[in-house]
């Protein structure tokens, strides 16, 4: 029997450091805005990155859900680049190497793309081992870009995907296709309507 599994990935609400365009992969900072949101999104399971900005977002969006946390859904660890902006790093040789070829170069004291990729793939294994048909993951921009580059129905490079803060995507596939790491059957955008002055 074919079992369909939808994975909705939501990018956390914005932080002060996001507004300042700082690299904050593993830096544990809070969200700056707590918008009023309304949605009709139902989930069998809600999982979030264990970093504060994602946990806060998950609790605001799903206040009555039992929320699981996992480090596997974290952003890339930017190492020595954490907390810095492009303007502060643009003349640093190790930064230029990483920007030019992030697959083969890593931030000093940070995480390689291969390790980042393996961490997310293990997180997917955990999701598809469950009996749930719709799983929501509150996570980070880089994680969502990776998932889209690997599993969206149409092929596009990592850097060509963009999911704004407070928004997400739903990737639908059969459980078997997820296990075989085949591209998804469908992709849909998820947007949350803000109300009031939020």
C-alpha atoms as a PDB file:
ATOM      1  CA  UNK A   1       0.000   0.000   0.000  1.00  0.00           C
ATOM      2  CA  UNK A   2       1.362   3.412  -0.984  1.00  0.00           C
ATOM      3  CA  UNK A   3       1.797   5.783   1.934  1.00  0.00           C
ATOM      4  CA  UNK A   4       2.221   9.500   1.245  1.00  0.00           C
ATOM      5  CA  UNK A   5       4.397  11.609   3.528  1.00  0.00           C
ATOM      6  CA  UNK A   6       4.352  15.411   3.407  1.00  0.00           C
ATOM      7  CA  UNK A   7       7.176  17.331   5.047  1.00  0.00           C
ATOM      8  CA  UNK A   8       6.526  21.027   5.628  1.00  0.00           C
ATOM      9  CA  UNK A   9       9.649  23.052   6.402  1.00  0.00           C
ATOM     10  CA  UNK A  10       9.107  26.494   7.918  1.00  0.00           C
ATOM     11  CA  UNK A  11      11.834  29.099   8.240  1.00  0.00           C
ATOM     12  CA  UNK A  12      11.968  30.680  11.694  1.00  0.00           C
ATOM     13  CA  UNK A  13      10.814  34.228  12.401  1.00  0.00           C
ATOM     14  CA  UNK A  14      13.401  36.972  11.958  1.00  0.00           C
ATOM     15  CA  UNK A  15      16.071  37.876  14.524  1.00  0.00           C
ATOM     16  CA  UNK A  16      17.945  41.130  15.118  1.00  0.00           C
ATOM     17  CA  UNK A  17      21.069  39.479  13.668  1.00  0.00           C
ATOM     18  CA  UNK A  18      19.126  38.451  10.540  1.00  0.00           C
ATOM     19  CA  UNK A  19      18.087  42.065  10.073  1.00  0.00           C
ATOM     20  CA  UNK A  20      21.755  43.063  10.371  1.00  0.00           C
ATOM     21  CA  UNK A  21      22.659  40.351   7.809  1.00  0.00           C
ATOM     22  CA  UNK A  22      24.998  38.524  10.176  1.00  0.00           C
ATOM     23  CA  UNK A  23      25.960  34.868   9.899  1.00  0.00           C
ATOM     24  CA  UNK A  24      24.292  33.156  12.849  1.00  0.00           C
ATOM     25  CA  UNK A  25      24.368  29.444  12.052  1.00  0.00           C
ATOM     26  CA  UNK A  26      24.753  28.003  15.572  1.00  0.00           C
ATOM     27  CA  UNK A  27      24.607  31.314  17.437  1.00  0.00           C
ATOM     28  CA  UNK A  28      21.663  30.989  19.810  1.00  0.00           C
ATOM     29  CA  UNK A  29      19.679  34.217  19.497  1.00  0.00           C
ATOM     30  CA  UNK A  30      15.961  35.013  19.980  1.00  0.00           C
ATOM     31  CA  UNK A  31      13.461  36.229  17.426  1.00  0.00           C
ATOM     32  CA  UNK A  32      12.911  39.978  17.459  1.00  0.00           C
ATOM     33  CA  UNK A  33       9.320  40.098  16.247  1.00  0.00           C
ATOM     34  CA  UNK A  34       6.479  37.966  17.502  1.00  0.00           C
ATOM     35  CA  UNK A  35       3.835  38.459  14.810  1.00  0.00           C
ATOM     36  CA  UNK A  36       0.233  37.413  15.169  1.00  0.00           C
ATOM     37  CA  UNK A  37      -0.186  34.598  12.697  1.00  0.00           C
ATOM     38  CA  UNK A  38      -3.156  32.598  11.579  1.00  0.00           C
ATOM     39  CA  UNK A  39      -3.012  29.328   9.721  1.00  0.00           C
ATOM     40  CA  UNK A  40      -4.906  26.094   9.278  1.00  0.00           C
ATOM     41  CA  UNK A  41      -1.815  23.910   9.062  1.00  0.00           C
ATOM     42  CA  UNK A  42      -2.311  20.554  10.768  1.00  0.00           C
ATOM     43  CA  UNK A  43       0.635  18.341  11.611  1.00  0.00           C
ATOM     44  CA  UNK A  44       0.912  14.826  12.998  1.00  0.00           C
ATOM     45  CA  UNK A  45       4.382  15.705  14.312  1.00  0.00           C
ATOM     46  CA  UNK A  46       6.124  19.054  14.896  1.00  0.00           C
ATOM     47  CA  UNK A  47       9.912  19.035  15.082  1.00  0.00           C
ATOM     48  CA  UNK A  48      12.212  22.008  15.424  1.00  0.00           C
ATOM     49  CA  UNK A  49      15.876  22.847  15.390  1.00  0.00           C
ATOM     50  CA  UNK A  50      17.002  23.056  19.005  1.00  0.00           C
ATOM     51  CA  UNK A  51      18.138  26.671  18.555  1.00  0.00           C
ATOM     52  CA  UNK A  52      16.061  29.312  20.342  1.00  0.00           C
ATOM     53  CA  UNK A  53      14.783  31.187  17.273  1.00  0.00           C
ATOM     54  CA  UNK A  54      13.256  28.000  15.864  1.00  0.00           C
ATOM     55  CA  UNK A  55      11.823  26.830  19.188  1.00  0.00           C
ATOM     56  CA  UNK A  56      10.180  30.228  19.728  1.00  0.00           C
ATOM     57  CA  UNK A  57       8.711  30.162  16.217  1.00  0.00           C
ATOM     58  CA  UNK A  58       7.395  26.615  16.647  1.00  0.00           C
ATOM     59  CA  UNK A  59       5.678  27.472  19.937  1.00  0.00           C
ATOM     60  CA  UNK A  60       4.052  30.542  18.413  1.00  0.00           C
ATOM     61  CA  UNK A  61       2.782  28.644  15.382  1.00  0.00           C
ATOM     62  CA  UNK A  62       1.768  25.454  17.206  1.00  0.00           C
ATOM     63  CA  UNK A  63       1.001  26.508  20.800  1.00  0.00           C
ATOM     64  CA  UNK A  64      -0.903  23.317  21.623  1.00  0.00           C
ATOM     65  CA  UNK A  65       1.419  20.796  19.961  1.00  0.00           C
ATOM     66  CA  UNK A  66       3.992  18.556  21.581  1.00  0.00           C
ATOM     67  CA  UNK A  67       7.156  19.879  19.948  1.00  0.00           C
ATOM     68  CA  UNK A  68      10.295  17.794  19.545  1.00  0.00           C
ATOM     69  CA  UNK A  69      13.735  19.421  19.254  1.00  0.00           C
ATOM     70  CA  UNK A  70      16.717  18.111  17.313  1.00  0.00           C
ATOM     71  CA  UNK A  71      20.192  19.525  16.664  1.00  0.00           C
ATOM     72  CA  UNK A  72      20.116  17.815  13.263  1.00  0.00           C
ATOM     73  CA  UNK A  73      17.833  20.562  11.930  1.00  0.00           C
ATOM     74  CA  UNK A  74      20.343  23.318  12.772  1.00  0.00           C
ATOM     75  CA  UNK A  75      21.792  25.707  10.222  1.00  0.00           C
ATOM     76  CA  UNK A  76      25.367  25.219   9.017  1.00  0.00           C
ATOM     77  CA  UNK A  77      27.920  26.055  11.707  1.00  0.00           C
ATOM     78  CA  UNK A  78      29.755  29.108  10.321  1.00  0.00           C
ATOM     79  CA  UNK A  79      32.638  28.781  12.788  1.00  0.00           C
ATOM     80  CA  UNK A  80      34.832  31.895  12.870  1.00  0.00           C
ATOM     81  CA  UNK A  81      32.342  33.710  10.609  1.00  0.00           C
ATOM     82  CA  UNK A  82      29.546  33.532  13.205  1.00  0.00           C
ATOM     83  CA  UNK A  83      28.205  36.962  14.141  1.00  0.00           C
ATOM     84  CA  UNK A  84      29.982  38.721  11.294  1.00  0.00           C
ATOM     85  CA  UNK A  85      28.638  40.407   8.158  1.00  0.00           C
ATOM     86  CA  UNK A  86      29.784  40.245   4.549  1.00  0.00           C
ATOM     87  CA  UNK A  87      31.264  43.739   4.928  1.00  0.00           C
ATOM     88  CA  UNK A  88      33.381  42.550   7.847  1.00  0.00           C
ATOM     89  CA  UNK A  89      34.547  39.396   6.054  1.00  0.00           C
ATOM     90  CA  UNK A  90      34.890  40.345   2.388  1.00  0.00           C
ATOM     91  CA  UNK A  91      38.688  40.801   2.525  1.00  0.00           C
ATOM     92  CA  UNK A  92      39.358  37.651   4.606  1.00  0.00           C
ATOM     93  CA  UNK A  93      41.039  35.039   2.414  1.00  0.00           C
ATOM     94  CA  UNK A  94      39.398  32.003   4.066  1.00  0.00           C
ATOM     95  CA  UNK A  95      35.993  33.653   3.631  1.00  0.00           C
ATOM     96  CA  UNK A  96      36.624  34.321  -0.078  1.00  0.00           C
ATOM     97  CA  UNK A  97      37.619  30.659  -0.596  1.00  0.00           C
ATOM     98  CA  UNK A  98      34.465  29.480   1.167  1.00  0.00           C
ATOM     99  CA  UNK A  99      32.160  31.867  -0.721  1.00  0.00           C
ATOM    100  CA  UNK A 100      33.706  30.837  -4.050  1.00  0.00           C
ATOM    101  CA  UNK A 101      33.467  27.093  -3.333  1.00  0.00           C
ATOM    102  CA  UNK A 102      31.394  26.231  -0.224  1.00  0.00           C
ATOM    103  CA  UNK A 103      31.233  22.546  -1.168  1.00  0.00           C
ATOM    104  CA  UNK A 104      35.003  22.028  -0.904  1.00  0.00           C
ATOM    105  CA  UNK A 105      35.933  24.744   1.622  1.00  0.00           C
ATOM    106  CA  UNK A 106      34.598  25.160   5.147  1.00  0.00           C
ATOM    107  CA  UNK A 107      34.526  28.153   7.484  1.00  0.00           C
ATOM    108  CA  UNK A 108      37.498  27.970   9.893  1.00  0.00           C
ATOM    109  CA  UNK A 109      36.374  26.051  13.010  1.00  0.00           C
ATOM    110  CA  UNK A 110      33.012  25.555  11.302  1.00  0.00           C
ATOM    111  CA  UNK A 111      31.142  22.744   9.590  1.00  0.00           C
ATOM    112  CA  UNK A 112      31.850  21.252   6.193  1.00  0.00           C
ATOM    113  CA  UNK A 113      29.025  21.109   3.672  1.00  0.00           C
ATOM    114  CA  UNK A 114      29.426  17.316   3.586  1.00  0.00           C
ATOM    115  CA  UNK A 115      28.864  17.081   7.334  1.00  0.00           C
ATOM    116  CA  UNK A 116      25.893  19.468   7.094  1.00  0.00           C
ATOM    117  CA  UNK A 117      24.421  17.340   4.289  1.00  0.00           C
ATOM    118  CA  UNK A 118      24.890  14.096   6.231  1.00  0.00           C
ATOM    119  CA  UNK A 119      23.259  15.586   9.321  1.00  0.00           C
ATOM    120  CA  UNK A 120      20.150  16.596   7.366  1.00  0.00           C
ATOM    121  CA  UNK A 121      19.930  13.242   5.570  1.00  0.00           C
ATOM    122  CA  UNK A 122      19.977  11.454   8.960  1.00  0.00           C
ATOM    123  CA  UNK A 123      17.210  13.814  10.104  1.00  0.00           C
ATOM    124  CA  UNK A 124      15.142  12.802   7.057  1.00  0.00           C
ATOM    125  CA  UNK A 125      15.704   9.125   7.905  1.00  0.00           C
ATOM    126  CA  UNK A 126      14.229   9.840  11.333  1.00  0.00           C
ATOM    127  CA  UNK A 127      11.168  11.532   9.798  1.00  0.00           C
ATOM    128  CA  UNK A 128      10.317   8.806   7.319  1.00  0.00           C
ATOM    129  CA  UNK A 129      10.729   6.068   9.938  1.00  0.00           C
ATOM    130  CA  UNK A 130       7.600   7.419  11.646  1.00  0.00           C
ATOM    131  CA  UNK A 131       4.033   6.523  10.776  1.00  0.00           C
ATOM    132  CA  UNK A 132       3.052  10.196  10.357  1.00  0.00           C
ATOM    133  CA  UNK A 133       1.597  11.455   7.081  1.00  0.00           C
ATOM    134  CA  UNK A 134       2.327  15.180   7.676  1.00  0.00           C
ATOM    135  CA  UNK A 135       5.390  16.384   9.556  1.00  0.00           C
ATOM    136  CA  UNK A 136       6.247  20.024  10.187  1.00  0.00           C
ATOM    137  CA  UNK A 137       9.875  21.028  10.700  1.00  0.00           C
ATOM    138  CA  UNK A 138      10.730  24.538  11.913  1.00  0.00           C
ATOM    139  CA  UNK A 139      14.276  25.148  10.760  1.00  0.00           C
ATOM    140  CA  UNK A 140      16.713  27.476   8.976  1.00  0.00           C
ATOM    141  CA  UNK A 141      17.178  28.929   5.494  1.00  0.00           C
ATOM    142  CA  UNK A 142      20.205  26.817   4.568  1.00  0.00           C
ATOM    143  CA  UNK A 143      18.478  23.597   5.590  1.00  0.00           C
ATOM    144  CA  UNK A 144      15.427  24.407   3.468  1.00  0.00           C
ATOM    145  CA  UNK A 145      17.622  25.380   0.511  1.00  0.00           C
ATOM    146  CA  UNK A 146      19.405  22.038   0.782  1.00  0.00           C
ATOM    147  CA  UNK A 147      16.134  20.085   0.875  1.00  0.00           C
ATOM    148  CA  UNK A 148      14.780  21.966  -2.130  1.00  0.00           C
ATOM    149  CA  UNK A 149      17.985  21.520  -4.126  1.00  0.00           C
ATOM    150  CA  UNK A 150      17.885  17.762  -3.497  1.00  0.00           C
ATOM    151  CA  UNK A 151      14.178  16.897  -3.404  1.00  0.00           C
ATOM    152  CA  UNK A 152      12.048  19.541  -5.136  1.00  0.00           C
ATOM    153  CA  UNK A 153      10.333  18.208  -8.294  1.00  0.00           C
ATOM    154  CA  UNK A 154      12.410  20.536 -10.494  1.00  0.00           C
ATOM    155  CA  UNK A 155      16.182  20.736 -10.258  1.00  0.00           C
ATOM    156  CA  UNK A 156      17.686  24.072  -9.245  1.00  0.00           C
ATOM    157  CA  UNK A 157      21.042  24.788  -7.579  1.00  0.00           C
ATOM    158  CA  UNK A 158      21.246  25.363  -3.811  1.00  0.00           C
ATOM    159  CA  UNK A 159      21.766  29.148  -4.050  1.00  0.00           C
ATOM    160  CA  UNK A 160      18.836  29.692  -6.428  1.00  0.00           C
ATOM    161  CA  UNK A 161      16.285  28.640  -3.807  1.00  0.00           C
ATOM    162  CA  UNK A 162      14.971  31.246  -1.393  1.00  0.00           C
ATOM    163  CA  UNK A 163      12.398  30.886   1.377  1.00  0.00           C
ATOM    164  CA  UNK A 164      11.693  34.112   3.312  1.00  0.00           C
ATOM    165  CA  UNK A 165      11.502  34.263   7.082  1.00  0.00           C
ATOM    166  CA  UNK A 166       8.044  33.274   8.422  1.00  0.00           C
ATOM    167  CA  UNK A 167       7.344  31.162   5.330  1.00  0.00           C
ATOM    168  CA  UNK A 168       7.887  27.602   4.234  1.00  0.00           C
ATOM    169  CA  UNK A 169       7.392  24.837   1.714  1.00  0.00           C
ATOM    170  CA  UNK A 170       5.655  21.488   1.695  1.00  0.00           C
ATOM    171  CA  UNK A 171       7.374  18.597  -0.066  1.00  0.00           C
ATOM    172  CA  UNK A 172       5.068  15.659  -0.835  1.00  0.00           C
ATOM    173  CA  UNK A 173       6.287  12.194  -1.712  1.00  0.00           C
ATOM    174  CA  UNK A 174       5.554   8.563  -1.054  1.00  0.00           C
ATOM    175  CA  UNK A 175       7.362   6.956   1.855  1.00  0.00           C
ATOM    176  CA  UNK A 176       9.102   4.625  -0.586  1.00  0.00           C
ATOM    177  CA  UNK A 177      10.339   7.503  -2.739  1.00  0.00           C
ATOM    178  CA  UNK A 178      11.636   9.292   0.374  1.00  0.00           C
ATOM    179  CA  UNK A 179      13.535   6.138   1.332  1.00  0.00           C
ATOM    180  CA  UNK A 180      15.017   5.888  -2.154  1.00  0.00           C
ATOM    181  CA  UNK A 181      15.856   9.631  -2.065  1.00  0.00           C
ATOM    182  CA  UNK A 182      13.858  10.345  -5.204  1.00  0.00           C
ATOM    183  CA  UNK A 183      12.588  13.818  -5.980  1.00  0.00           C
ATOM    184  CA  UNK A 184       9.181  14.762  -4.616  1.00  0.00           C
ATOM    185  CA  UNK A 185       5.915  14.488  -6.487  1.00  0.00           C
ATOM    186  CA  UNK A 186       4.811  18.015  -5.558  1.00  0.00           C
ATOM    187  CA  UNK A 187       5.975  21.236  -3.921  1.00  0.00           C
ATOM    188  CA  UNK A 188       3.789  23.966  -2.413  1.00  0.00           C
ATOM    189  CA  UNK A 189       4.578  27.282  -0.737  1.00  0.00           C
ATOM    190  CA  UNK A 190       3.349  27.862   2.828  1.00  0.00           C
ATOM    191  CA  UNK A 191       2.627  31.422   3.941  1.00  0.00           C
ATOM    192  CA  UNK A 192       1.298  32.703   7.217  1.00  0.00           C
ATOM    193  CA  UNK A 193      -1.058  35.666   7.315  1.00  0.00           C
ATOM    194  CA  UNK A 194      -0.072  38.310   9.824  1.00  0.00           C
ATOM    195  CA  UNK A 195      -2.786  40.289  11.528  1.00  0.00           C
ATOM    196  CA  UNK A 196      -2.737  43.428  13.636  1.00  0.00           C
ATOM    197  CA  UNK A 197       0.444  45.500  13.860  1.00  0.00           C
ATOM    198  CA  UNK A 198       2.675  42.396  14.464  1.00  0.00           C
END
